[in-house]
């Protein structure tokens, strides 16, 4: 799956602007310095989402109330998001 620079900019801008719907918050994880999405998804409101990415150098674009933390597990970084 590949996102354009405009799509990523739009997601980043929406993360800073409007309040999110009750359904949750969106996220996109890309290679650091790239616009190619490694994964994307939605974190349910009041819940969490996990993404296992085989790369420690990534950028996470997420809505402002979606927090992502990197947790290395068996030499594989796991990014856990909650909102």
C-alpha atoms as a PDB file:
ATOM      1  CA  UNK A   1       0.000   0.000   0.000  1.00  0.00           C
ATOM      2  CA  UNK A   2       1.416   3.372  -0.951  1.00  0.00           C
ATOM      3  CA  UNK A   3       0.315   6.815   0.157  1.00  0.00           C
ATOM      4  CA  UNK A   4       1.109  10.057  -1.593  1.00  0.00           C
ATOM      5  CA  UNK A   5       2.825  12.930   0.167  1.00  0.00           C
ATOM      6  CA  UNK A   6      -0.489  14.787   0.020  1.00  0.00           C
ATOM      7  CA  UNK A   7      -2.338  11.940   1.753  1.00  0.00           C
ATOM      8  CA  UNK A   8       0.239  11.826   4.549  1.00  0.00           C
ATOM      9  CA  UNK A   9       0.189  15.611   4.881  1.00  0.00           C
ATOM     10  CA  UNK A  10      -3.601  15.501   5.043  1.00  0.00           C
ATOM     11  CA  UNK A  11      -3.510  12.884   7.805  1.00  0.00           C
ATOM     12  CA  UNK A  12      -0.911  14.865   9.744  1.00  0.00           C
ATOM     13  CA  UNK A  13      -2.965  18.052   9.345  1.00  0.00           C
ATOM     14  CA  UNK A  14      -6.166  16.365  10.488  1.00  0.00           C
ATOM     15  CA  UNK A  15      -4.288  15.034  13.501  1.00  0.00           C
ATOM     16  CA  UNK A  16      -3.665  18.614  14.570  1.00  0.00           C
ATOM     17  CA  UNK A  17      -7.127  19.972  13.805  1.00  0.00           C
ATOM     18  CA  UNK A  18     -10.590  18.540  14.301  1.00  0.00           C
ATOM     19  CA  UNK A  19     -11.727  16.331  17.183  1.00  0.00           C
ATOM     20  CA  UNK A  20     -11.984  12.670  16.262  1.00  0.00           C
ATOM     21  CA  UNK A  21     -15.158  10.687  15.862  1.00  0.00           C
ATOM     22  CA  UNK A  22     -16.181   8.195  18.515  1.00  0.00           C
ATOM     23  CA  UNK A  23     -14.890   5.355  16.324  1.00  0.00           C
ATOM     24  CA  UNK A  24     -11.216   5.966  17.077  1.00  0.00           C
ATOM     25  CA  UNK A  25      -8.123   7.487  15.566  1.00  0.00           C
ATOM     26  CA  UNK A  26      -6.157   6.793  12.397  1.00  0.00           C
ATOM     27  CA  UNK A  27      -2.457   6.071  12.002  1.00  0.00           C
ATOM     28  CA  UNK A  28       0.064   5.501   9.211  1.00  0.00           C
ATOM     29  CA  UNK A  29       3.578   4.124   9.760  1.00  0.00           C
ATOM     30  CA  UNK A  30       6.179   4.831   7.063  1.00  0.00           C
ATOM     31  CA  UNK A  31       9.875   4.221   6.539  1.00  0.00           C
ATOM     32  CA  UNK A  32      11.763   7.173   8.024  1.00  0.00           C
ATOM     33  CA  UNK A  33      12.115   9.845   5.346  1.00  0.00           C
ATOM     34  CA  UNK A  34       9.743   8.054   2.962  1.00  0.00           C
ATOM     35  CA  UNK A  35       6.116   8.380   1.940  1.00  0.00           C
ATOM     36  CA  UNK A  36       5.665   4.633   1.422  1.00  0.00           C
ATOM     37  CA  UNK A  37       3.264   3.294   4.043  1.00  0.00           C
ATOM     38  CA  UNK A  38       4.414   0.142   5.816  1.00  0.00           C
ATOM     39  CA  UNK A  39       1.066  -0.187   7.540  1.00  0.00           C
ATOM     40  CA  UNK A  40      -1.945   1.880   8.469  1.00  0.00           C
ATOM     41  CA  UNK A  41      -5.100   1.412  10.438  1.00  0.00           C
ATOM     42  CA  UNK A  42      -7.457   2.684  13.078  1.00  0.00           C
ATOM     43  CA  UNK A  43      -7.127   2.483  16.833  1.00  0.00           C
ATOM     44  CA  UNK A  44     -10.563   2.040  18.468  1.00  0.00           C
ATOM     45  CA  UNK A  45     -11.641   4.717  20.958  1.00  0.00           C
ATOM     46  CA  UNK A  46     -10.645   3.636  24.451  1.00  0.00           C
ATOM     47  CA  UNK A  47      -8.699   0.686  23.038  1.00  0.00           C
ATOM     48  CA  UNK A  48      -5.356  -0.097  21.487  1.00  0.00           C
ATOM     49  CA  UNK A  49      -3.769  -1.330  18.281  1.00  0.00           C
ATOM     50  CA  UNK A  50      -0.426  -3.024  17.653  1.00  0.00           C
ATOM     51  CA  UNK A  51       1.764  -2.927  14.562  1.00  0.00           C
ATOM     52  CA  UNK A  52       4.839  -5.126  14.177  1.00  0.00           C
ATOM     53  CA  UNK A  53       7.276  -3.493  11.770  1.00  0.00           C
ATOM     54  CA  UNK A  54      10.627  -5.053  10.898  1.00  0.00           C
ATOM     55  CA  UNK A  55      12.365  -1.688  10.889  1.00  0.00           C
ATOM     56  CA  UNK A  56      13.484   0.503  13.785  1.00  0.00           C
ATOM     57  CA  UNK A  57      13.682   3.648  11.624  1.00  0.00           C
ATOM     58  CA  UNK A  58      10.082   4.639  11.015  1.00  0.00           C
ATOM     59  CA  UNK A  59       7.838   7.678  11.230  1.00  0.00           C
ATOM     60  CA  UNK A  60       4.372   7.417  12.762  1.00  0.00           C
ATOM     61  CA  UNK A  61       1.665   9.796  11.556  1.00  0.00           C
ATOM     62  CA  UNK A  62      -1.328   9.619  13.881  1.00  0.00           C
ATOM     63  CA  UNK A  63      -4.307  11.625  14.993  1.00  0.00           C
ATOM     64  CA  UNK A  64      -3.425  13.840  17.953  1.00  0.00           C
ATOM     65  CA  UNK A  65      -5.122  11.681  20.584  1.00  0.00           C
ATOM     66  CA  UNK A  66      -3.494   8.460  19.370  1.00  0.00           C
ATOM     67  CA  UNK A  67      -0.243   7.743  21.232  1.00  0.00           C
ATOM     68  CA  UNK A  68       2.283   5.275  19.841  1.00  0.00           C
ATOM     69  CA  UNK A  69       5.148   3.706  21.762  1.00  0.00           C
ATOM     70  CA  UNK A  70       7.886   1.449  20.420  1.00  0.00           C
ATOM     71  CA  UNK A  71       8.438  -1.754  22.386  1.00  0.00           C
ATOM     72  CA  UNK A  72      11.280  -3.990  21.142  1.00  0.00           C
ATOM     73  CA  UNK A  73      10.383  -7.668  21.487  1.00  0.00           C
ATOM     74  CA  UNK A  74      12.758 -10.414  20.387  1.00  0.00           C
ATOM     75  CA  UNK A  75      14.697  -7.931  18.227  1.00  0.00           C
ATOM     76  CA  UNK A  76      11.481  -6.867  16.492  1.00  0.00           C
ATOM     77  CA  UNK A  77      10.006  -3.447  17.222  1.00  0.00           C
ATOM     78  CA  UNK A  78       6.320  -3.509  18.095  1.00  0.00           C
ATOM     79  CA  UNK A  79       4.480  -0.201  17.932  1.00  0.00           C
ATOM     80  CA  UNK A  80       1.526  -0.066  20.298  1.00  0.00           C
ATOM     81  CA  UNK A  81      -1.005   2.704  19.898  1.00  0.00           C
ATOM     82  CA  UNK A  82      -3.753   3.739  22.255  1.00  0.00           C
ATOM     83  CA  UNK A  83      -6.396   6.456  22.228  1.00  0.00           C
END
